N, C-alpha and C. Protein backbone atom coordinates (compact mmCIF):
# COMPACT_ATOMS: atom_id res chain seq x y z
N MET A 1 0.85 -1.19 0.00
CA MET A 1 0.00 0.00 0.00
C MET A 1 0.89 1.25 0.00
N ASN A 2 0.68 2.10 -1.02
CA ASN A 2 1.50 3.29 -1.09
C ASN A 2 0.98 4.36 -0.15
N THR A 3 1.66 5.51 -0.12
CA THR A 3 1.32 6.55 0.85
C THR A 3 -0.09 7.09 0.65
N LEU A 4 -0.49 7.34 -0.61
CA LEU A 4 -1.81 7.90 -0.88
C LEU A 4 -2.92 6.93 -0.46
N GLU A 5 -2.76 5.64 -0.77
CA GLU A 5 -3.76 4.66 -0.37
C GLU A 5 -3.86 4.56 1.15
N ASN A 6 -2.73 4.68 1.81
CA ASN A 6 -2.72 4.64 3.27
C ASN A 6 -3.48 5.82 3.85
N VAL A 7 -3.26 7.00 3.28
CA VAL A 7 -3.97 8.20 3.75
C VAL A 7 -5.47 8.07 3.51
N LEU A 8 -5.86 7.58 2.34
CA LEU A 8 -7.28 7.42 2.04
C LEU A 8 -7.93 6.39 2.95
N GLU A 9 -7.23 5.32 3.26
CA GLU A 9 -7.77 4.29 4.14
C GLU A 9 -8.01 4.85 5.55
N ARG A 10 -7.08 5.63 6.03
CA ARG A 10 -7.28 6.24 7.36
C ARG A 10 -8.43 7.23 7.33
N ALA A 11 -8.56 7.98 6.24
CA ALA A 11 -9.65 8.94 6.14
C ALA A 11 -11.00 8.22 6.12
N ARG A 12 -11.10 7.11 5.40
CA ARG A 12 -12.34 6.34 5.39
C ARG A 12 -12.66 5.78 6.77
N THR A 13 -11.64 5.34 7.48
CA THR A 13 -11.85 4.80 8.83
C THR A 13 -12.38 5.87 9.77
N ILE A 14 -11.78 7.05 9.74
CA ILE A 14 -12.22 8.13 10.62
C ILE A 14 -13.63 8.58 10.23
N HIS A 15 -13.93 8.64 8.95
CA HIS A 15 -15.25 9.09 8.50
C HIS A 15 -16.35 8.08 8.87
N GLY A 16 -16.02 6.80 8.87
CA GLY A 16 -17.03 5.79 9.11
C GLY A 16 -17.17 5.34 10.55
N GLN A 17 -16.23 5.70 11.41
CA GLN A 17 -16.30 5.21 12.79
C GLN A 17 -17.38 5.95 13.58
N LYS A 18 -17.94 5.25 14.58
CA LYS A 18 -19.03 5.77 15.39
C LYS A 18 -18.61 5.86 16.85
N PRO A 19 -19.36 6.65 17.67
CA PRO A 19 -18.96 6.82 19.07
C PRO A 19 -18.86 5.51 19.85
N GLY A 20 -19.67 4.52 19.51
CA GLY A 20 -19.64 3.28 20.27
C GLY A 20 -18.63 2.26 19.80
N ASP A 21 -17.90 2.56 18.75
CA ASP A 21 -16.92 1.60 18.23
C ASP A 21 -15.75 1.44 19.20
N THR A 22 -15.25 0.22 19.28
CA THR A 22 -14.13 -0.05 20.19
C THR A 22 -12.78 0.18 19.51
N GLN A 23 -12.65 -0.18 18.26
CA GLN A 23 -11.39 -0.02 17.54
C GLN A 23 -11.44 1.26 16.72
N LYS A 24 -11.21 2.37 17.40
CA LYS A 24 -11.25 3.67 16.74
C LYS A 24 -9.85 4.11 16.32
N LEU A 25 -9.82 4.95 15.32
CA LEU A 25 -8.57 5.61 14.93
C LEU A 25 -8.56 6.97 15.60
N SER A 26 -7.75 7.12 16.64
CA SER A 26 -7.77 8.34 17.46
C SER A 26 -6.90 9.45 16.90
N ALA A 27 -5.87 9.11 16.14
CA ALA A 27 -4.97 10.12 15.59
C ALA A 27 -4.64 9.76 14.14
N PHE A 28 -4.84 10.70 13.25
CA PHE A 28 -4.63 10.44 11.82
C PHE A 28 -3.17 10.15 11.52
N HIS A 29 -2.26 10.92 12.14
CA HIS A 29 -0.84 10.78 11.85
C HIS A 29 -0.18 9.67 12.64
N ALA A 30 -0.86 9.16 13.70
CA ALA A 30 -0.29 8.12 14.55
C ALA A 30 -1.37 7.09 14.86
N PRO A 31 -1.57 6.11 13.99
CA PRO A 31 -2.66 5.15 14.20
C PRO A 31 -2.48 4.27 15.42
N GLU A 32 -1.28 4.22 15.99
CA GLU A 32 -1.07 3.38 17.17
C GLU A 32 -1.59 4.02 18.45
N VAL A 33 -2.00 5.30 18.39
CA VAL A 33 -2.48 6.01 19.57
C VAL A 33 -3.83 5.44 20.00
N GLU A 34 -3.99 5.24 21.30
CA GLU A 34 -5.22 4.70 21.87
C GLU A 34 -5.87 5.72 22.80
N CYS A 35 -7.19 5.58 22.98
CA CYS A 35 -7.91 6.35 23.99
C CYS A 35 -7.89 5.55 25.27
N ILE A 36 -7.20 6.05 26.28
CA ILE A 36 -6.98 5.32 27.53
C ILE A 36 -7.86 5.92 28.62
N GLY A 37 -8.71 5.10 29.21
CA GLY A 37 -9.55 5.56 30.32
C GLY A 37 -8.76 5.63 31.61
N LYS A 38 -8.71 6.81 32.21
CA LYS A 38 -7.93 7.01 33.43
C LYS A 38 -8.75 6.78 34.69
N GLY A 39 -10.07 6.98 34.60
CA GLY A 39 -10.91 6.77 35.78
C GLY A 39 -10.75 7.85 36.82
N LYS A 40 -10.27 9.02 36.44
CA LYS A 40 -10.09 10.13 37.37
C LYS A 40 -11.06 11.25 37.01
N ALA A 41 -11.49 11.98 38.04
CA ALA A 41 -12.46 13.04 37.81
C ALA A 41 -11.87 14.18 36.99
N ARG A 42 -10.60 14.49 37.23
CA ARG A 42 -9.97 15.61 36.53
C ARG A 42 -9.62 15.25 35.10
N THR A 43 -9.09 14.06 34.89
CA THR A 43 -8.70 13.60 33.56
C THR A 43 -9.29 12.21 33.34
N ARG A 44 -10.43 12.17 32.66
CA ARG A 44 -11.10 10.89 32.45
C ARG A 44 -10.41 10.05 31.38
N TYR A 45 -9.88 10.71 30.35
CA TYR A 45 -9.27 9.99 29.25
C TYR A 45 -7.95 10.66 28.85
N GLU A 46 -7.05 9.85 28.34
CA GLU A 46 -5.81 10.33 27.77
C GLU A 46 -5.58 9.61 26.44
N PHE A 47 -4.90 10.28 25.53
CA PHE A 47 -4.61 9.69 24.23
C PHE A 47 -3.11 9.43 24.13
N GLY A 48 -2.77 8.20 23.87
CA GLY A 48 -1.37 7.83 23.77
C GLY A 48 -1.23 6.32 23.78
N VAL A 49 -0.11 5.85 24.24
CA VAL A 49 0.18 4.42 24.35
C VAL A 49 0.58 4.14 25.80
N LYS A 50 0.03 3.09 26.35
CA LYS A 50 0.33 2.75 27.74
C LYS A 50 1.81 2.41 27.92
N ALA A 51 2.31 2.75 29.11
CA ALA A 51 3.68 2.39 29.48
C ALA A 51 3.65 1.81 30.88
N SER A 52 4.46 0.81 31.11
CA SER A 52 4.57 0.18 32.42
C SER A 52 5.96 0.44 32.98
N LEU A 53 6.01 0.93 34.24
CA LEU A 53 7.28 1.25 34.88
C LEU A 53 7.38 0.52 36.21
N ALA A 54 8.56 0.01 36.50
CA ALA A 54 8.83 -0.64 37.78
C ALA A 54 10.04 0.01 38.42
N THR A 55 9.91 0.36 39.70
CA THR A 55 11.00 1.00 40.43
C THR A 55 11.28 0.22 41.71
N THR A 56 12.37 0.57 42.34
CA THR A 56 12.65 0.02 43.66
C THR A 56 11.65 0.58 44.66
N ASN A 57 11.20 -0.26 45.58
CA ASN A 57 10.24 0.20 46.58
C ASN A 57 10.92 0.61 47.87
N GLU A 58 12.11 0.09 48.10
CA GLU A 58 12.84 0.43 49.32
C GLU A 58 13.38 1.86 49.24
N ARG A 59 13.43 2.52 50.39
CA ARG A 59 13.95 3.88 50.44
C ARG A 59 15.47 3.84 50.27
N CYS A 60 15.94 4.27 49.12
CA CYS A 60 17.37 4.20 48.80
C CYS A 60 17.99 5.59 48.89
N LYS A 61 19.26 5.65 49.27
CA LYS A 61 19.95 6.94 49.38
C LYS A 61 20.14 7.58 48.00
N GLY A 62 20.35 6.76 46.99
CA GLY A 62 20.58 7.30 45.66
C GLY A 62 19.32 7.66 44.90
N GLY A 63 18.13 7.35 45.49
CA GLY A 63 16.88 7.63 44.81
C GLY A 63 16.26 6.37 44.26
N GLN A 64 15.11 6.52 43.66
CA GLN A 64 14.39 5.38 43.10
C GLN A 64 14.78 5.17 41.64
N PHE A 65 15.50 4.09 41.40
CA PHE A 65 15.91 3.77 40.04
C PHE A 65 14.80 3.00 39.33
N VAL A 66 14.67 3.23 38.04
CA VAL A 66 13.71 2.49 37.22
C VAL A 66 14.34 1.16 36.84
N LEU A 67 13.69 0.07 37.22
CA LEU A 67 14.21 -1.27 36.96
C LEU A 67 13.61 -1.91 35.72
N GLY A 68 12.46 -1.43 35.29
CA GLY A 68 11.80 -2.00 34.13
C GLY A 68 10.92 -0.97 33.46
N ALA A 69 10.98 -0.88 32.14
CA ALA A 69 10.17 0.06 31.37
C ALA A 69 9.68 -0.63 30.11
N LEU A 70 8.36 -0.66 29.93
CA LEU A 70 7.76 -1.34 28.80
C LEU A 70 6.75 -0.44 28.12
N SER A 71 6.70 -0.50 26.81
CA SER A 71 5.64 0.12 26.04
C SER A 71 4.58 -0.93 25.77
N LEU A 72 3.30 -0.57 25.97
CA LEU A 72 2.20 -1.52 25.89
C LEU A 72 1.19 -1.09 24.84
N PRO A 73 1.45 -1.36 23.57
CA PRO A 73 0.48 -0.98 22.54
C PRO A 73 -0.78 -1.83 22.61
N GLY A 74 -1.87 -1.28 22.08
CA GLY A 74 -3.12 -2.02 22.06
C GLY A 74 -3.99 -1.83 23.28
N ASN A 75 -3.56 -0.98 24.23
CA ASN A 75 -4.33 -0.68 25.45
C ASN A 75 -4.72 -1.95 26.20
N PRO A 76 -3.75 -2.79 26.59
CA PRO A 76 -4.09 -4.02 27.30
C PRO A 76 -4.52 -3.73 28.74
N TYR A 77 -5.17 -4.71 29.34
CA TYR A 77 -5.53 -4.61 30.76
C TYR A 77 -4.26 -4.65 31.60
N ASP A 78 -4.18 -3.78 32.61
CA ASP A 78 -2.94 -3.65 33.38
C ASP A 78 -2.51 -4.97 34.01
N GLY A 79 -3.49 -5.72 34.52
CA GLY A 79 -3.14 -6.97 35.20
C GLY A 79 -2.49 -7.99 34.30
N HIS A 80 -2.79 -7.94 33.00
CA HIS A 80 -2.20 -8.89 32.07
C HIS A 80 -0.76 -8.55 31.70
N THR A 81 -0.29 -7.38 32.09
CA THR A 81 1.07 -6.96 31.75
C THR A 81 2.06 -7.18 32.88
N LEU A 82 1.56 -7.59 34.04
CA LEU A 82 2.45 -7.70 35.21
C LEU A 82 3.51 -8.76 35.02
N GLY A 83 3.15 -9.89 34.42
CA GLY A 83 4.13 -10.96 34.23
C GLY A 83 5.30 -10.53 33.38
N ASN A 84 5.03 -9.83 32.27
CA ASN A 84 6.12 -9.36 31.41
C ASN A 84 7.02 -8.36 32.13
N GLN A 85 6.41 -7.51 32.96
CA GLN A 85 7.21 -6.53 33.69
C GLN A 85 8.10 -7.21 34.72
N LEU A 86 7.58 -8.22 35.40
CA LEU A 86 8.39 -8.95 36.38
C LEU A 86 9.55 -9.67 35.70
N ASP A 87 9.30 -10.21 34.51
CA ASP A 87 10.39 -10.86 33.76
C ASP A 87 11.45 -9.84 33.36
N ARG A 88 11.02 -8.64 32.97
CA ARG A 88 11.98 -7.60 32.60
C ARG A 88 12.84 -7.20 33.81
N VAL A 89 12.21 -7.03 34.97
CA VAL A 89 12.96 -6.67 36.18
C VAL A 89 13.97 -7.76 36.53
N ALA A 90 13.56 -9.02 36.39
CA ALA A 90 14.47 -10.13 36.71
C ALA A 90 15.67 -10.15 35.77
N ARG A 91 15.45 -9.83 34.47
CA ARG A 91 16.57 -9.80 33.53
C ARG A 91 17.51 -8.64 33.81
N VAL A 92 16.95 -7.49 34.19
CA VAL A 92 17.79 -6.32 34.41
C VAL A 92 18.60 -6.45 35.68
N THR A 93 17.98 -6.92 36.75
CA THR A 93 18.64 -6.97 38.06
C THR A 93 19.34 -8.30 38.33
N GLY A 94 18.97 -9.35 37.60
CA GLY A 94 19.55 -10.66 37.88
C GLY A 94 18.94 -11.34 39.10
N ARG A 95 17.87 -10.77 39.63
CA ARG A 95 17.21 -11.34 40.81
C ARG A 95 15.70 -11.33 40.59
N LYS A 96 15.03 -12.39 41.03
CA LYS A 96 13.59 -12.46 40.92
C LYS A 96 12.94 -11.64 42.03
N PRO A 97 11.97 -10.80 41.70
CA PRO A 97 11.31 -10.00 42.75
C PRO A 97 10.59 -10.90 43.74
N ALA A 98 10.72 -10.54 45.01
CA ALA A 98 10.02 -11.29 46.07
C ALA A 98 8.64 -10.71 46.35
N ARG A 99 8.52 -9.38 46.29
CA ARG A 99 7.23 -8.73 46.52
C ARG A 99 7.04 -7.62 45.48
N ALA A 100 5.84 -7.54 44.98
CA ALA A 100 5.48 -6.50 44.01
C ALA A 100 4.28 -5.74 44.54
N TYR A 101 4.34 -4.41 44.45
CA TYR A 101 3.26 -3.55 44.93
C TYR A 101 2.69 -2.80 43.73
N VAL A 102 1.40 -2.96 43.50
CA VAL A 102 0.75 -2.43 42.31
C VAL A 102 -0.48 -1.62 42.74
N ASP A 103 -0.99 -0.81 41.81
CA ASP A 103 -2.20 -0.05 42.11
C ASP A 103 -3.43 -0.89 41.79
N ARG A 104 -4.61 -0.28 42.00
CA ARG A 104 -5.85 -1.03 41.88
C ARG A 104 -6.17 -1.44 40.44
N GLY A 105 -5.49 -0.83 39.47
CA GLY A 105 -5.70 -1.23 38.09
C GLY A 105 -5.19 -2.63 37.79
N TYR A 106 -4.40 -3.21 38.71
CA TYR A 106 -3.84 -4.54 38.50
C TYR A 106 -4.62 -5.63 39.21
N ARG A 107 -5.82 -5.33 39.70
CA ARG A 107 -6.64 -6.36 40.33
C ARG A 107 -6.97 -7.46 39.32
N GLY A 108 -6.86 -8.70 39.77
CA GLY A 108 -7.04 -9.81 38.86
C GLY A 108 -5.86 -10.01 37.94
N TYR A 109 -4.66 -9.81 38.47
CA TYR A 109 -3.44 -9.85 37.67
C TYR A 109 -3.14 -11.23 37.11
N GLY A 110 -3.55 -12.29 37.81
CA GLY A 110 -3.38 -13.64 37.27
C GLY A 110 -1.96 -14.13 37.22
N VAL A 111 -1.08 -13.61 38.07
CA VAL A 111 0.31 -14.06 38.09
C VAL A 111 0.50 -14.94 39.32
N ASN A 112 0.89 -16.16 39.11
CA ASN A 112 1.08 -17.12 40.20
C ASN A 112 2.46 -17.74 40.05
N ARG A 113 3.41 -17.20 40.81
CA ARG A 113 4.78 -17.69 40.72
C ARG A 113 5.29 -18.00 42.12
N GLU A 114 6.12 -18.99 42.18
CA GLU A 114 6.66 -19.43 43.47
C GLU A 114 7.56 -18.36 44.06
N GLY A 115 7.35 -18.04 45.33
CA GLY A 115 8.17 -17.06 46.03
C GLY A 115 7.80 -15.62 45.74
N LEU A 116 6.70 -15.36 45.03
CA LEU A 116 6.30 -13.99 44.69
C LEU A 116 5.04 -13.62 45.44
N GLU A 117 5.05 -12.43 46.04
CA GLU A 117 3.86 -11.87 46.68
C GLU A 117 3.48 -10.59 45.94
N VAL A 118 2.22 -10.49 45.55
CA VAL A 118 1.71 -9.31 44.87
C VAL A 118 0.67 -8.66 45.78
N HIS A 119 0.87 -7.38 46.07
CA HIS A 119 -0.01 -6.64 46.97
C HIS A 119 -0.60 -5.45 46.22
N VAL A 120 -1.91 -5.32 46.30
CA VAL A 120 -2.64 -4.26 45.61
C VAL A 120 -2.92 -3.13 46.59
N SER A 121 -2.79 -1.90 46.12
CA SER A 121 -3.00 -0.73 46.98
C SER A 121 -4.42 -0.71 47.53
N ASN A 122 -4.55 -0.11 48.72
CA ASN A 122 -5.85 0.06 49.39
C ASN A 122 -6.53 -1.27 49.68
N THR A 123 -5.71 -2.30 49.92
CA THR A 123 -6.25 -3.60 50.31
C THR A 123 -6.44 -3.63 51.82
N ARG A 124 -7.62 -4.01 52.25
CA ARG A 124 -7.92 -4.07 53.68
C ARG A 124 -7.50 -5.41 54.26
N GLY A 125 -7.29 -5.40 55.57
CA GLY A 125 -6.96 -6.62 56.28
C GLY A 125 -5.51 -7.02 56.23
N VAL A 126 -4.61 -6.09 55.86
CA VAL A 126 -3.18 -6.40 55.85
C VAL A 126 -2.66 -6.36 57.28
N VAL A 127 -2.16 -7.48 57.76
CA VAL A 127 -1.73 -7.61 59.15
C VAL A 127 -0.28 -7.20 59.33
N SER A 128 0.58 -7.59 58.41
CA SER A 128 2.02 -7.36 58.56
C SER A 128 2.33 -5.86 58.52
N PRO A 129 3.03 -5.33 59.53
CA PRO A 129 3.40 -3.91 59.48
C PRO A 129 4.40 -3.60 58.37
N THR A 130 5.23 -4.57 58.00
CA THR A 130 6.18 -4.36 56.90
C THR A 130 5.44 -4.16 55.59
N ILE A 131 4.43 -4.99 55.35
CA ILE A 131 3.66 -4.88 54.11
C ILE A 131 2.89 -3.57 54.08
N ARG A 132 2.33 -3.17 55.23
CA ARG A 132 1.58 -1.90 55.26
C ARG A 132 2.50 -0.73 54.97
N CYS A 133 3.71 -0.74 55.53
CA CYS A 133 4.66 0.33 55.30
C CYS A 133 5.10 0.37 53.84
N GLU A 134 5.37 -0.80 53.26
CA GLU A 134 5.81 -0.85 51.87
C GLU A 134 4.68 -0.52 50.91
N LEU A 135 3.44 -0.80 51.29
CA LEU A 135 2.30 -0.39 50.46
C LEU A 135 2.20 1.13 50.40
N ARG A 136 2.47 1.79 51.53
CA ARG A 136 2.47 3.26 51.52
C ARG A 136 3.62 3.79 50.67
N ARG A 137 4.74 3.09 50.67
CA ARG A 137 5.87 3.51 49.86
C ARG A 137 5.60 3.38 48.35
N ARG A 138 4.60 2.57 47.96
CA ARG A 138 4.30 2.39 46.54
C ARG A 138 3.94 3.71 45.87
N ASN A 139 3.35 4.63 46.63
CA ASN A 139 2.97 5.93 46.05
C ASN A 139 4.18 6.76 45.62
N ALA A 140 5.37 6.37 46.07
CA ALA A 140 6.57 7.12 45.70
C ALA A 140 6.92 6.97 44.23
N ILE A 141 6.26 6.04 43.53
CA ILE A 141 6.52 5.90 42.10
C ILE A 141 5.91 7.04 41.31
N GLU A 142 4.89 7.71 41.87
CA GLU A 142 4.24 8.79 41.15
C GLU A 142 5.19 9.96 40.86
N PRO A 143 6.00 10.42 41.84
CA PRO A 143 6.99 11.47 41.49
C PRO A 143 7.99 11.02 40.43
N VAL A 144 8.34 9.74 40.42
CA VAL A 144 9.26 9.24 39.39
C VAL A 144 8.62 9.39 38.01
N ILE A 145 7.34 9.03 37.91
CA ILE A 145 6.64 9.17 36.63
C ILE A 145 6.55 10.64 36.24
N GLY A 146 6.30 11.51 37.23
CA GLY A 146 6.24 12.94 36.95
C GLY A 146 7.55 13.48 36.43
N HIS A 147 8.68 13.08 37.03
CA HIS A 147 9.99 13.52 36.56
C HIS A 147 10.27 13.00 35.15
N MET A 148 9.87 11.77 34.88
CA MET A 148 10.12 11.23 33.55
C MET A 148 9.27 11.94 32.50
N LYS A 149 8.06 12.37 32.87
CA LYS A 149 7.22 13.10 31.93
C LYS A 149 7.78 14.49 31.66
N GLN A 150 8.23 15.16 32.72
CA GLN A 150 8.70 16.54 32.55
C GLN A 150 10.16 16.58 32.08
N ASP A 151 11.05 15.93 32.81
CA ASP A 151 12.48 15.99 32.49
C ASP A 151 12.86 15.05 31.34
N GLY A 152 12.20 13.90 31.26
CA GLY A 152 12.55 12.92 30.23
C GLY A 152 11.68 12.98 29.00
N HIS A 153 10.77 13.96 28.93
CA HIS A 153 9.90 14.15 27.75
C HIS A 153 9.11 12.89 27.43
N LEU A 154 8.70 12.16 28.46
CA LEU A 154 7.92 10.94 28.25
C LEU A 154 6.48 11.27 27.88
N GLU A 155 6.00 12.44 28.31
CA GLU A 155 4.60 12.78 28.11
C GLU A 155 4.28 13.04 26.64
N ARG A 156 5.23 13.57 25.88
CA ARG A 156 4.98 13.86 24.47
C ARG A 156 6.11 13.23 23.64
N ASN A 157 5.75 12.21 22.90
CA ASN A 157 6.73 11.45 22.14
C ASN A 157 6.89 12.06 20.75
N ALA A 158 8.12 12.37 20.38
CA ALA A 158 8.41 12.93 19.07
C ALA A 158 8.88 11.87 18.08
N LEU A 159 8.97 10.62 18.52
CA LEU A 159 9.43 9.54 17.65
C LEU A 159 8.23 8.85 16.99
N LYS A 160 8.40 8.38 15.78
CA LYS A 160 7.30 7.89 14.98
C LYS A 160 7.09 6.39 15.16
N GLY A 161 5.82 6.01 15.18
CA GLY A 161 5.45 4.60 15.12
C GLY A 161 5.56 3.87 16.44
N ALA A 162 5.22 2.56 16.40
CA ALA A 162 5.28 1.74 17.60
C ALA A 162 6.71 1.58 18.10
N ASN A 163 7.67 1.48 17.19
CA ASN A 163 9.08 1.39 17.61
C ASN A 163 9.52 2.68 18.30
N GLY A 164 9.01 3.81 17.82
CA GLY A 164 9.31 5.08 18.49
C GLY A 164 8.79 5.13 19.91
N ASP A 165 7.63 4.52 20.14
CA ASP A 165 7.09 4.47 21.50
C ASP A 165 7.99 3.64 22.42
N VAL A 166 8.47 2.52 21.91
CA VAL A 166 9.37 1.68 22.71
C VAL A 166 10.66 2.42 23.03
N ILE A 167 11.23 3.06 22.03
CA ILE A 167 12.48 3.79 22.24
C ILE A 167 12.29 4.94 23.22
N ASN A 168 11.15 5.64 23.11
CA ASN A 168 10.90 6.79 23.98
C ASN A 168 10.79 6.37 25.44
N VAL A 169 10.11 5.26 25.70
CA VAL A 169 9.98 4.78 27.08
C VAL A 169 11.33 4.36 27.63
N LEU A 170 12.12 3.64 26.83
CA LEU A 170 13.43 3.20 27.30
C LEU A 170 14.37 4.38 27.54
N LEU A 171 14.35 5.36 26.64
CA LEU A 171 15.21 6.52 26.83
C LEU A 171 14.78 7.33 28.05
N GLY A 172 13.47 7.40 28.31
CA GLY A 172 13.02 8.10 29.51
C GLY A 172 13.52 7.43 30.78
N ALA A 173 13.48 6.09 30.81
CA ALA A 173 13.97 5.36 31.98
C ALA A 173 15.48 5.50 32.13
N ILE A 174 16.20 5.39 31.01
CA ILE A 174 17.66 5.53 31.06
C ILE A 174 18.05 6.93 31.52
N GLY A 175 17.36 7.94 30.99
CA GLY A 175 17.66 9.31 31.40
C GLY A 175 17.42 9.55 32.88
N HIS A 176 16.33 8.98 33.40
CA HIS A 176 16.05 9.14 34.83
C HIS A 176 17.16 8.51 35.67
N ASN A 177 17.57 7.30 35.32
CA ASN A 177 18.64 6.63 36.08
C ASN A 177 19.96 7.38 35.97
N LEU A 178 20.27 7.93 34.79
CA LEU A 178 21.51 8.69 34.62
C LEU A 178 21.49 9.97 35.45
N ARG A 179 20.34 10.62 35.56
CA ARG A 179 20.26 11.83 36.39
C ARG A 179 20.52 11.50 37.85
N LEU A 180 20.02 10.36 38.31
CA LEU A 180 20.30 9.95 39.70
C LEU A 180 21.79 9.65 39.89
N LEU A 181 22.39 8.97 38.92
CA LEU A 181 23.82 8.65 39.03
C LEU A 181 24.67 9.91 38.99
N LEU A 182 24.32 10.86 38.12
CA LEU A 182 25.08 12.11 38.05
C LEU A 182 24.98 12.89 39.35
N ALA A 183 23.80 12.89 39.95
CA ALA A 183 23.64 13.58 41.24
C ALA A 183 24.49 12.91 42.31
N TRP A 184 24.57 11.57 42.28
CA TRP A 184 25.38 10.86 43.27
C TRP A 184 26.87 11.14 43.04
N PHE A 185 27.32 11.12 41.77
CA PHE A 185 28.72 11.41 41.47
C PHE A 185 29.07 12.86 41.82
N ARG A 186 28.11 13.77 41.68
CA ARG A 186 28.35 15.17 42.03
C ARG A 186 28.61 15.30 43.54
N LYS A 187 27.81 14.61 44.33
CA LYS A 187 28.02 14.64 45.78
C LYS A 187 29.36 14.00 46.15
N LEU A 188 29.69 12.89 45.48
CA LEU A 188 30.96 12.23 45.76
C LEU A 188 32.14 13.13 45.41
N LEU A 189 32.04 13.84 44.27
CA LEU A 189 33.11 14.76 43.88
C LEU A 189 33.27 15.89 44.89
N LEU A 190 32.16 16.42 45.39
CA LEU A 190 32.23 17.49 46.40
C LEU A 190 32.88 16.99 47.68
N LEU A 191 32.57 15.76 48.09
CA LEU A 191 33.20 15.21 49.29
C LEU A 191 34.70 15.02 49.09
N ILE A 192 35.11 14.57 47.89
CA ILE A 192 36.54 14.39 47.62
C ILE A 192 37.25 15.74 47.62
N LEU A 193 36.65 16.74 46.99
CA LEU A 193 37.27 18.07 46.97
C LEU A 193 37.35 18.66 48.37
N ALA A 194 36.31 18.47 49.17
CA ALA A 194 36.33 18.97 50.54
C ALA A 194 37.43 18.31 51.36
N ALA A 195 37.60 16.99 51.16
CA ALA A 195 38.66 16.28 51.89
C ALA A 195 40.04 16.76 51.46
N LEU A 196 40.23 17.00 50.16
CA LEU A 196 41.53 17.48 49.67
C LEU A 196 41.82 18.89 50.18
N LEU A 197 40.81 19.76 50.20
CA LEU A 197 41.01 21.13 50.71
C LEU A 197 41.32 21.11 52.20
N PHE A 198 40.63 20.25 52.94
CA PHE A 198 40.89 20.17 54.38
C PHE A 198 42.31 19.66 54.64
N ARG A 199 42.74 18.68 53.86
CA ARG A 199 44.09 18.14 54.03
C ARG A 199 45.13 19.17 53.66
N SER A 200 44.87 19.94 52.58
CA SER A 200 45.82 20.96 52.16
C SER A 200 45.95 22.08 53.19
N SER A 201 44.82 22.50 53.74
CA SER A 201 44.85 23.58 54.74
C SER A 201 45.47 23.09 56.04
N ALA A 202 45.26 21.81 56.38
CA ALA A 202 45.84 21.30 57.62
C ALA A 202 47.36 21.19 57.52
N GLY A 203 47.88 21.00 56.30
CA GLY A 203 49.32 20.89 56.13
C GLY A 203 50.04 22.21 56.30
N HIS A 204 49.35 23.36 56.28
CA HIS A 204 49.97 24.67 56.41
C HIS A 204 49.81 25.25 57.82
N ILE A 205 49.24 24.48 58.73
CA ILE A 205 49.08 24.99 60.09
C ILE A 205 50.42 24.92 60.82
N ARG A 206 50.81 26.02 61.46
CA ARG A 206 52.05 26.06 62.27
C ARG A 206 51.69 26.18 63.73
N VAL A 207 52.37 25.45 64.54
CA VAL A 207 52.15 25.46 65.99
C VAL A 207 53.37 26.08 66.66
N ALA A 208 53.18 27.18 67.43
CA ALA A 208 54.29 27.86 68.08
C ALA A 208 54.62 27.20 69.38
């Protein structure tokens, strides 16, 4: 199909689609864009491609590193994507996750693996104080997503096609981790310079 036929086919699709259709063409220039229901009062819908991000849940001195980043075309159900994300985290870190904390969109995730515990936010009846504390820490992923949208340009993708979506998500995650590493190296450099200055000044002290 040449370029003109492709344009005409998209125009026919947009002209013929109805409000109740499930497979709509949301963007003429980017057919992979989906209408994603957010379920929030302020923003009910967003147009784009879903992305799945996994970060460390423990409070780390260097910040929360992104351990897994996936582009999810086709607007899949969140719970069906958890297994792929856990496999990605295991490949990146070399260790299988013992506990995963997810939001309510992952209810009915259907992942049953030995040694893995999956906890959904706002679940009642949690007895363990460790699990309750780590469930509260799950909300710390929201600032990471915000930084990736603003600083990593994840919110508006300038790359074309489904491959561009994959590259954009990966570059956003890599950029976030590099910013954390640069901040850590900056602090380390300042400590080294402070130690050298203190040693230099101490060598010039004279005692009468």
